[in-house]
Amino acid sequence: MAAEPGPRVEPELLRTARGLAFAVLEEHRRRETFVADEIDRLCREHDVPVVERRLARQIATGVLRRRSTVDAVVGPHVSRPRERVEHELWTLLRIGAYQLVFLDSVPSRAAVHETVGLAERLGRTRWKGFLNGVLRSVDRSLGDGFVESPSGSAVPIAPGRHRRLNDTMLPDPTTEPASWLADAFGLPGWLVERWADRFPFDKLVDIGFWFAGVPGLSLRTNLLRTTRDALAERLRSAGHDCVEGAHPAAIHLAEVAHVPSLPGFEEGHFTVQDESAMRASTLLAPRPGDRVLDVCAAPGTKTTHLAELLEDRGTLVACDVSADRLARLAENVDRLGLTCVEACVVDEDPASLPTGPFDAILLDVPCSNTGVLGKRPEARWRLRPNDLVELTAVQRGLLTASLDRLAPNGRLVYSTCSIEPEENAELLGSVLAERPEFTVAEEVHHHPGRPADGAYQALVTNGPTR
């Protein structure tokens, strides 16, 4: 017998938070789309009300981040084998359970009722009884109040705040710390095992909370068009709670916002960028008049920062293998009012990079993204151990080619958003061991959550530093 086709999400359902979340999660499951991008696309196409859009984003990105946590809570309440539960039905179970466990703003009765009702609106009336029974059982399994310390019978919500469970559903953090971390924070077990060799348990818990939480919104002020104080004042006047960051251009908003509607966006007064990422261009410190190469430039967040540091005076060649992504870079460049950027499509062979020489080079290589798993939750489930081997080969080739293009007394910043040694100091050290004319002048390890995303940046020179 042919398999029953998946339920169709009618347009009117996409204007509801749970219908939108279901559609986005199913599209991600089938085609590995990016959840945030898919939400934005559907919201534009169907004019989704703001309140529904906000809840849909909470649910869809939350389920994606805490997938294994939700599954650990749901699993004991499902009597049939997992492989006998339709994929779409399991997605509904995740949506309902996530609301029950993590969203205090949603009453448990509403979480169950609306999720069960969604099954009917999807044309799957036969799922209602099963869905209702499992979700009510999950709700009954949630204890009263919170505890401060990790436990197999508590779900971590925020630092020092773990939601009680009436039964043990997670591994014991004392005897199985890596397994507990993986299930409790929605992280791949093999990745946690790697980190456990380098970080103590309390630091791993800090990393888990950072990656499990909703990322804040960081803005980099375009200091060629405004000041940080002036931008912050405009944001506050529009009702956005914000604080200045440690970086002189950084502003942190207390909550996620619709970026194009923020004051100053159309005028090119800011770019969205994590504070750790801002440090890469600042470390390179290009000077007005320099000839600069941005090797892996699109979508242009670091490129535009380099152009701003150049005071838009000089030449900045921005390379990427994707013409479509370079088109997005051009849009950002235009919005910010920058003129010194020259886009250049290259192929995957590092030999195709412009020959230079260049006074300064930013090499922000493709990497595992293990420092930004909160902002890029899809990465945690796509990454495989063998990927590190393939990535380091690409990184080595790009680094070698970039060093060949550096002018005498030049500066190169090697940058990743990874916290894996093989992609960072170990790779850089192995390449420079064969190139004694280059030295590491400065090296920075950004650890996740202290106070921004994880990253690695190293300044390499082949002459006196400025």
Protein backbone atom coordinates (compact mmCIF):
# COMPACT_ATOMS: atom_id res chain seq x y z
CA MET A 1 0.00 0.00 0.00
CA ALA A 2 1.33 3.43 -0.93
CA ALA A 3 2.29 5.71 1.93
CA GLU A 4 -0.24 8.38 2.80
CA PRO A 5 0.89 11.80 1.51
CA GLY A 6 1.89 14.30 4.15
CA PRO A 7 -0.75 16.72 5.45
CA ARG A 8 -1.14 19.93 3.48
CA VAL A 9 -0.81 23.21 5.36
CA GLU A 10 -3.45 25.53 3.94
CA PRO A 11 -2.62 29.25 3.67
CA GLU A 12 -4.92 30.24 6.53
CA LEU A 13 -3.02 27.87 8.85
CA LEU A 14 0.25 29.63 8.00
CA ARG A 15 -1.14 32.75 9.66
CA THR A 16 -1.30 30.89 12.99
CA ALA A 17 1.76 30.39 15.19
CA ARG A 18 1.54 26.61 15.48
CA GLY A 19 0.55 26.07 11.85
CA LEU A 20 3.49 28.18 10.74
CA ALA A 21 5.87 26.40 13.11
CA PHE A 22 4.68 23.00 11.85
CA ALA A 23 5.13 23.99 8.20
CA VAL A 24 8.62 25.37 8.82
CA LEU A 25 9.81 22.37 10.84
CA GLU A 26 8.48 19.93 8.26
CA GLU A 27 10.15 21.86 5.43
CA HIS A 28 13.40 21.74 7.39
CA ARG A 29 13.04 17.99 7.99
CA ARG A 30 12.41 17.24 4.32
CA ARG A 31 14.76 19.70 2.63
CA GLU A 32 17.17 20.89 5.37
CA THR A 33 16.09 24.50 4.90
CA PHE A 34 17.12 27.18 7.36
CA VAL A 35 14.30 27.63 9.84
CA ALA A 36 14.70 31.38 10.42
CA ASP A 37 14.85 32.08 6.67
CA GLU A 38 11.78 29.93 6.03
CA ILE A 39 9.82 31.73 8.74
CA ASP A 40 10.75 35.10 7.25
CA ARG A 41 9.74 33.97 3.77
CA LEU A 42 6.35 32.63 4.82
CA CYS A 43 5.64 35.66 6.98
CA ARG A 44 6.26 37.94 4.00
CA GLU A 45 4.16 35.85 1.63
CA HIS A 46 1.19 35.41 3.98
CA ASP A 47 1.28 38.65 5.98
CA VAL A 48 1.45 36.77 9.29
CA PRO A 49 0.38 38.86 12.32
CA VAL A 50 3.30 39.94 14.50
CA VAL A 51 2.10 38.08 17.60
CA GLU A 52 1.71 34.82 15.65
CA ARG A 53 5.08 35.31 13.95
CA ARG A 54 6.81 35.80 17.31
CA LEU A 55 5.32 32.65 18.86
CA ALA A 56 6.00 30.60 15.72
CA ARG A 57 9.64 31.66 15.83
CA GLN A 58 9.86 30.72 19.52
CA ILE A 59 8.40 27.28 18.91
CA ALA A 60 10.18 26.38 15.66
CA THR A 61 13.66 27.53 16.65
CA GLY A 62 13.15 26.18 20.17
CA VAL A 63 12.20 22.71 18.92
CA LEU A 64 15.21 22.76 16.61
CA ARG A 65 17.63 23.75 19.39
CA ARG A 66 16.22 21.45 22.08
CA ARG A 67 15.17 18.59 19.83
CA SER A 68 16.85 15.85 21.82
CA THR A 69 15.62 17.37 25.10
CA VAL A 70 12.03 17.38 23.88
CA ASP A 71 12.39 13.83 22.56
CA ALA A 72 13.76 12.67 25.92
CA VAL A 73 10.69 14.09 27.66
CA VAL A 74 8.18 12.80 25.09
CA GLY A 75 9.67 9.33 24.56
CA PRO A 76 8.57 7.69 27.85
CA HIS A 77 4.93 8.63 27.15
CA VAL A 78 4.75 7.01 23.71
CA SER A 79 3.90 3.33 23.86
CA ARG A 80 4.57 2.45 20.24
CA PRO A 81 8.10 2.28 18.69
CA ARG A 82 9.34 5.58 17.32
CA GLU A 83 9.54 4.24 13.77
CA ARG A 84 5.79 3.54 13.89
CA VAL A 85 4.95 7.18 14.56
CA GLU A 86 4.54 9.26 11.39
CA HIS A 87 7.16 11.99 11.01
CA GLU A 88 4.54 14.72 10.89
CA LEU A 89 2.84 13.40 14.03
CA TRP A 90 6.16 13.40 15.88
CA THR A 91 6.66 17.01 14.81
CA LEU A 92 3.30 17.86 16.40
CA LEU A 93 4.35 16.05 19.58
CA ARG A 94 7.52 18.12 19.68
CA ILE A 95 5.59 21.35 19.13
CA GLY A 96 3.17 20.57 21.95
CA ALA A 97 5.80 19.30 24.38
CA TYR A 98 8.10 22.26 23.76
CA GLN A 99 5.34 24.63 24.78
CA LEU A 100 4.59 22.63 27.92
CA VAL A 101 8.19 22.40 29.08
CA PHE A 102 9.72 25.69 27.99
CA LEU A 103 7.06 28.36 27.41
CA ASP A 104 5.72 29.72 30.67
CA SER A 105 3.79 32.29 28.64
CA VAL A 106 1.58 29.55 27.14
CA PRO A 107 -0.93 27.91 29.54
CA SER A 108 -0.64 24.14 29.44
CA ARG A 109 -4.30 23.76 28.50
CA ALA A 110 -3.81 26.05 25.49
CA ALA A 111 -0.63 24.22 24.46
CA VAL A 112 -2.45 20.88 24.38
CA HIS A 113 -5.75 22.13 22.95
CA GLU A 114 -4.23 24.20 20.14
CA THR A 115 -1.74 21.52 19.12
CA VAL A 116 -4.43 18.82 19.03
CA GLY A 117 -6.67 21.21 17.10
CA LEU A 118 -3.89 21.70 14.58
CA ALA A 119 -3.96 17.98 13.80
CA GLU A 120 -7.64 18.24 12.90
CA ARG A 121 -7.07 21.34 10.75
CA LEU A 122 -4.34 19.42 8.95
CA GLY A 123 -6.89 16.75 8.05
CA ARG A 124 -5.50 14.18 10.50
CA THR A 125 -8.46 13.68 12.84
CA ARG A 126 -7.23 10.15 13.57
CA TRP A 127 -4.15 11.63 15.31
CA LYS A 128 -6.16 13.64 17.83
CA GLY A 129 -6.67 10.99 20.50
CA PHE A 130 -3.05 9.84 20.46
CA LEU A 131 -1.73 13.40 20.45
CA ASN A 132 -4.04 14.48 23.25
CA GLY A 133 -3.15 11.47 25.40
CA VAL A 134 0.62 11.86 25.02
CA LEU A 135 0.65 15.61 25.61
CA ARG A 136 -1.56 15.35 28.69
CA SER A 137 0.75 12.65 30.02
CA VAL A 138 3.75 14.91 29.39
CA ASP A 139 1.99 17.74 31.22
CA ARG A 140 1.33 15.51 34.23
CA SER A 141 5.00 14.50 34.30
CA LEU A 142 6.13 18.09 34.86
CA GLY A 143 6.75 18.81 38.52
CA ASP A 144 6.11 21.98 40.45
CA GLY A 145 8.80 24.62 40.68
CA PHE A 146 12.48 24.61 39.85
CA VAL A 147 15.79 23.40 41.22
CA GLU A 148 19.16 25.13 40.97
CA SER A 149 21.42 22.21 40.12
CA PRO A 150 21.61 19.75 37.21
CA SER A 151 19.63 16.56 37.65
CA GLY A 152 18.28 13.67 35.64
CA SER A 153 14.81 14.69 36.80
CA ALA A 154 14.97 18.35 35.80
CA VAL A 155 15.19 20.19 32.47
CA PRO A 156 17.62 23.14 32.35
CA ILE A 157 15.79 26.33 31.39
CA ALA A 158 18.26 29.03 32.40
CA PRO A 159 21.37 29.18 34.60
CA GLY A 160 20.33 28.13 38.11
CA ARG A 161 16.80 27.33 36.92
CA HIS A 162 16.03 23.69 36.09
CA ARG A 163 12.39 22.65 35.72
CA ARG A 164 11.41 19.74 37.93
CA LEU A 165 10.17 16.48 36.45
CA ASN A 166 8.20 13.90 38.41
CA ASP A 167 10.31 11.12 36.94
CA THR A 168 13.90 10.69 35.79
CA MET A 169 13.95 11.31 32.04
CA LEU A 170 17.51 12.52 31.44
CA PRO A 171 20.82 10.76 32.12
CA ASP A 172 22.45 11.26 35.52
CA PRO A 173 24.80 14.28 35.22
CA THR A 174 27.04 12.82 37.94
CA THR A 175 27.71 9.45 36.32
CA GLU A 176 27.00 10.33 32.66
CA PRO A 177 27.90 14.02 32.32
CA ALA A 178 28.38 14.02 28.54
CA SER A 179 25.13 12.16 27.88
CA TRP A 180 23.27 14.50 30.23
CA LEU A 181 24.69 17.57 28.49
CA ALA A 182 23.74 16.23 25.06
CA ASP A 183 20.13 15.46 26.01
CA ALA A 184 19.63 18.38 28.37
CA PHE A 185 20.79 21.04 25.90
CA GLY A 186 20.05 19.47 22.52
CA LEU A 187 23.63 18.86 21.38
CA PRO A 188 25.19 15.98 19.41
CA GLY A 189 26.73 13.45 21.79
CA TRP A 190 29.97 13.09 19.81
CA LEU A 191 30.53 16.84 19.94
CA VAL A 192 29.98 17.02 23.69
CA GLU A 193 32.42 14.13 24.15
CA ARG A 194 35.05 16.18 22.31
CA TRP A 195 34.42 19.23 24.46
CA ALA A 196 34.49 17.18 27.65
CA ASP A 197 38.18 16.50 27.02
CA ARG A 198 38.93 20.24 27.04
CA PHE A 199 36.40 21.92 29.32
CA PRO A 200 35.35 21.21 32.91
CA PHE A 201 31.71 20.31 33.54
CA ASP A 202 30.69 23.75 34.79
CA LYS A 203 32.07 25.40 31.64
CA LEU A 204 30.24 22.87 29.49
CA VAL A 205 27.01 23.77 31.28
CA ASP A 206 27.68 27.44 30.54
CA ILE A 207 28.22 26.60 26.87
CA GLY A 208 25.04 24.51 26.87
CA PHE A 209 22.95 27.38 28.21
CA TRP A 210 24.48 29.81 25.72
CA PHE A 211 23.65 27.57 22.75
CA ALA A 212 20.21 26.64 24.08
CA GLY A 213 19.09 30.20 24.71
CA VAL A 214 17.49 32.64 22.31
CA PRO A 215 20.32 34.73 20.84
CA GLY A 216 20.11 38.44 21.45
CA LEU A 217 20.47 40.97 18.68
CA SER A 218 23.81 42.74 18.35
CA LEU A 219 24.27 45.76 16.10
CA ARG A 220 27.48 47.24 14.75
CA THR A 221 27.19 50.99 14.37
CA ASN A 222 28.27 52.43 11.02
CA LEU A 223 30.54 55.10 12.46
CA LEU A 224 30.86 56.74 9.04
CA ARG A 225 27.20 57.77 9.23
CA THR A 226 26.37 58.16 12.91
CA THR A 227 27.68 57.66 16.43
CA ARG A 228 26.92 54.80 18.74
CA ASP A 229 25.35 57.16 21.29
CA ALA A 230 23.07 58.67 18.67
CA LEU A 231 21.97 55.27 17.37
CA ALA A 232 21.35 53.95 20.88
CA GLU A 233 19.24 57.01 21.68
CA ARG A 234 17.14 56.49 18.55
CA LEU A 235 16.58 52.85 19.47
CA ARG A 236 15.55 53.71 23.02
CA SER A 237 13.23 56.45 21.82
CA ALA A 238 11.51 53.85 19.63
CA GLY A 239 10.98 51.61 22.66
CA HIS A 240 13.91 49.22 22.25
CA ASP A 241 15.83 48.37 25.41
CA CYS A 242 19.53 48.33 24.54
CA VAL A 243 23.00 48.66 26.04
CA GLU A 244 26.40 49.51 24.63
CA GLY A 245 28.79 46.59 24.16
CA ALA A 246 32.50 46.29 24.92
CA HIS A 247 33.40 46.88 21.27
CA PRO A 248 33.23 50.62 20.51
CA ALA A 249 30.67 50.08 17.74
CA ALA A 250 28.52 47.44 19.47
CA ILE A 251 24.95 47.82 20.73
CA HIS A 252 23.02 44.91 22.24
CA LEU A 253 19.23 44.79 22.15
CA ALA A 254 17.46 43.03 24.99
CA GLU A 255 15.22 41.07 22.61
CA VAL A 256 15.04 39.99 19.00
CA ALA A 257 13.43 42.56 16.70
CA HIS A 258 12.36 42.85 13.08
CA VAL A 259 15.61 44.34 11.81
CA PRO A 260 14.35 46.27 8.73
CA SER A 261 11.87 48.15 10.94
CA LEU A 262 14.53 49.33 13.43
CA PRO A 263 15.40 53.04 13.38
CA GLY A 264 18.45 53.69 11.24
CA PHE A 265 18.28 50.54 9.13
CA GLU A 266 17.24 52.19 5.88
CA GLU A 267 19.74 55.00 6.45
CA GLY A 268 22.57 52.48 6.78
CA HIS A 269 23.36 53.37 10.38
CA PHE A 270 24.04 49.79 11.48
CA THR A 271 24.66 46.17 10.55
CA VAL A 272 23.61 43.10 12.55
CA GLN A 273 26.78 41.41 13.81
CA ASP A 274 27.86 39.47 16.88
CA GLU A 275 30.45 41.23 18.99
CA SER A 276 32.97 38.39 18.66
CA ALA A 277 32.74 38.67 14.88
CA MET A 278 33.37 42.43 15.06
CA ARG A 279 36.75 41.69 16.60
CA ALA A 280 38.08 40.04 13.43
CA SER A 281 38.06 43.19 11.30
CA THR A 282 39.18 45.29 14.24
CA LEU A 283 42.16 42.97 14.75
CA LEU A 284 43.13 43.35 11.09
CA ALA A 285 42.92 47.15 11.51
CA PRO A 286 43.14 48.19 7.85
CA ARG A 287 44.25 51.77 7.25
CA PRO A 288 42.68 54.23 4.80
CA GLY A 289 44.32 53.77 1.43
CA ASP A 290 45.21 50.10 1.98
CA ARG A 291 44.57 47.42 -0.62
CA VAL A 292 42.56 44.78 1.24
CA LEU A 293 41.35 41.28 0.33
CA ASP A 294 38.33 39.63 1.98
CA VAL A 295 38.69 36.01 0.88
CA CYS A 296 35.33 34.48 1.90
CA ALA A 297 33.28 37.64 1.95
CA ALA A 298 29.56 36.98 1.42
CA PRO A 299 27.11 37.98 2.77
CA GLY A 300 29.35 40.90 3.62
CA THR A 301 29.03 41.57 7.34
CA LYS A 302 32.78 41.60 7.91
CA THR A 303 33.38 43.13 4.46
CA THR A 304 31.35 46.22 5.31
CA HIS A 305 33.12 46.51 8.65
CA LEU A 306 36.46 46.50 6.85
CA ALA A 307 35.20 49.21 4.50
CA GLU A 308 34.09 51.31 7.46
CA LEU A 309 37.48 50.90 9.13
CA LEU A 310 39.08 51.98 5.84
CA GLU A 311 36.88 55.10 6.09
CA ASP A 312 35.75 54.03 2.60
CA ARG A 313 39.17 55.07 1.25
CA GLY A 314 41.22 52.37 -0.41
CA THR A 315 40.46 49.18 -2.33
CA LEU A 316 38.59 46.27 -0.79
CA VAL A 317 38.29 43.17 -2.99
CA ALA A 318 35.50 40.92 -1.69
CA CYS A 319 35.61 37.34 -3.01
CA ASP A 320 33.14 34.49 -2.83
CA VAL A 321 32.27 31.36 -4.80
CA SER A 322 28.58 32.33 -4.94
CA ALA A 323 27.38 35.10 -7.22
CA ASP A 324 24.00 35.06 -5.47
CA ARG A 325 25.61 35.64 -2.09
CA LEU A 326 27.75 38.41 -3.55
CA ALA A 327 24.54 40.05 -4.74
CA ARG A 328 23.41 40.15 -1.10
CA LEU A 329 26.78 41.65 -0.22
CA ALA A 330 26.21 44.39 -2.81
CA GLU A 331 22.84 45.20 -1.23
CA ASN A 332 24.49 45.61 2.18
CA VAL A 333 27.26 47.74 0.71
CA ASP A 334 24.74 50.03 -0.99
CA ARG A 335 22.56 50.40 2.10
CA LEU A 336 25.58 51.42 4.18
CA GLY A 337 26.71 53.95 1.58
CA LEU A 338 30.11 52.34 0.91
CA THR A 339 31.99 52.74 -2.38
CA CYS A 340 35.41 51.08 -1.97
CA VAL A 341 34.21 47.46 -2.29
CA GLU A 342 34.86 45.45 -5.46
CA ALA A 343 33.04 42.10 -5.65
CA CYS A 344 34.85 39.18 -7.25
CA VAL A 345 33.44 35.73 -8.01
CA VAL A 346 36.03 32.96 -7.63
CA ASP A 347 35.88 29.19 -7.91
CA GLU A 348 36.67 26.68 -5.19
CA ASP A 349 40.33 26.41 -6.20
CA PRO A 350 42.27 28.86 -3.97
CA ALA A 351 44.52 29.56 -6.96
CA SER A 352 41.63 31.55 -8.46
CA LEU A 353 41.92 34.24 -5.79
CA PRO A 354 43.14 37.67 -6.99
CA THR A 355 46.92 37.66 -7.01
CA GLY A 356 47.53 40.88 -5.11
CA PRO A 357 49.72 41.70 -3.34
CA PHE A 358 47.48 43.03 -0.58
CA ASP A 359 48.39 45.13 2.44
CA ALA A 360 45.79 43.35 4.57
CA ILE A 361 43.84 40.12 4.15
CA LEU A 362 40.86 38.83 6.09
CA LEU A 363 40.51 35.06 5.83
CA ASP A 364 37.26 34.10 7.53
CA VAL A 365 37.26 30.46 6.47
CA PRO A 366 34.36 28.01 6.07
CA CYS A 367 34.26 26.08 9.33
CA SER A 368 32.23 23.79 11.59
CA ASN A 369 30.33 26.70 13.21
CA THR A 370 30.73 25.12 16.64
CA GLY A 371 31.09 28.55 18.22
CA VAL A 372 27.73 29.77 16.92
CA LEU A 373 25.37 26.83 17.44
CA GLY A 374 22.86 29.12 19.13
CA LYS A 375 22.49 31.42 16.13
CA ARG A 376 22.86 28.56 13.64
CA PRO A 377 20.97 25.70 15.31
CA GLU A 378 20.77 23.68 12.10
CA ALA A 379 24.56 23.29 12.19
CA ARG A 380 24.50 21.11 15.30
CA TRP A 381 22.49 18.41 13.53
CA ARG A 382 24.24 18.64 10.15
CA LEU A 383 27.79 18.41 11.41
CA ARG A 384 29.52 15.02 11.37
CA PRO A 385 32.95 14.06 12.81
CA ASN A 386 34.42 13.49 9.34
CA ASP A 387 33.43 17.03 8.33
CA LEU A 388 36.32 18.39 10.37
CA VAL A 389 38.80 16.50 8.19
CA GLU A 390 37.29 17.91 5.00
CA LEU A 391 37.04 21.43 6.44
CA THR A 392 40.64 21.56 7.59
CA ALA A 393 41.81 20.60 4.10
CA VAL A 394 39.83 23.53 2.66
CA GLN A 395 41.11 25.87 5.38
CA ARG A 396 44.71 24.87 4.79
CA GLY A 397 44.44 25.53 1.06
CA LEU A 398 42.86 28.95 1.57
CA LEU A 399 45.40 29.95 4.21
CA THR A 400 48.36 28.93 2.07
CA ALA A 401 47.03 30.83 -0.96
CA SER A 402 46.24 33.90 1.14
CA LEU A 403 49.73 34.04 2.64
CA ASP A 404 51.12 33.98 -0.90
CA ARG A 405 49.13 37.14 -1.67
CA LEU A 406 50.25 39.19 1.32
CA ALA A 407 52.51 42.17 0.61
CA PRO A 408 55.76 42.67 2.57
CA ASN A 409 55.03 44.02 6.05
CA GLY A 410 51.40 42.98 5.52
CA ARG A 411 48.78 41.73 7.95
CA LEU A 412 46.48 38.73 7.70
CA VAL A 413 43.76 37.70 10.12
CA TYR A 414 42.82 34.03 10.12
CA SER A 415 39.30 33.77 11.55
CA THR A 416 36.75 31.06 12.29
CA CYS A 417 33.50 30.79 14.23
CA SER A 418 34.69 27.42 15.55
CA ILE A 419 36.01 26.35 18.94
CA GLU A 420 37.74 23.24 17.59
CA PRO A 421 41.58 23.27 17.88
CA GLU A 422 42.05 21.42 14.58
CA GLU A 423 40.47 24.34 12.72
CA ASN A 424 42.19 27.03 14.74
CA ALA A 425 45.58 27.17 16.44
CA GLU A 426 46.62 23.67 15.40
CA LEU A 427 45.95 24.30 11.71
CA LEU A 428 47.55 27.74 11.77
CA GLY A 429 50.61 26.43 13.57
CA SER A 430 51.09 23.55 11.15
CA VAL A 431 50.92 25.86 8.11
CA LEU A 432 53.22 28.51 9.58
CA ALA A 433 55.76 25.86 10.60
CA GLU A 434 56.53 25.63 6.87
CA ARG A 435 56.53 29.41 6.40
CA PRO A 436 59.07 30.87 8.87
CA GLU A 437 58.77 34.34 7.34
CA PHE A 438 55.32 34.65 8.97
CA THR A 439 54.65 35.05 12.67
CA VAL A 440 51.56 35.14 14.88
CA ALA A 441 51.47 38.63 16.38
CA GLU A 442 48.23 38.15 18.33
CA GLU A 443 45.82 35.31 18.98
CA VAL A 444 42.32 35.47 20.49
CA HIS A 445 40.04 32.63 21.62
CA HIS A 446 36.42 33.74 22.12
CA HIS A 447 34.57 31.26 24.33
CA PRO A 448 30.80 30.90 23.83
CA GLY A 449 28.88 33.16 26.16
CA ARG A 450 31.82 35.19 27.43
CA PRO A 451 30.20 37.52 26.50
CA ALA A 452 29.28 36.66 22.90
CA ASP A 453 29.65 33.77 20.45
CA GLY A 454 32.63 31.45 20.22
CA ALA A 455 35.31 32.26 17.64
CA TYR A 456 39.02 32.19 16.93
CA GLN A 457 41.10 34.98 15.44
CA ALA A 458 44.83 35.24 14.83
CA LEU A 459 46.82 38.13 13.41
CA VAL A 460 49.67 36.94 11.16
CA THR A 461 52.41 39.28 9.91
CA ASN A 462 55.42 39.01 7.65
CA GLY A 463 57.20 42.07 8.98
CA PRO A 464 57.07 44.60 11.81
CA THR A 465 53.61 45.16 13.30
CA ARG A 466 52.12 48.59 13.03
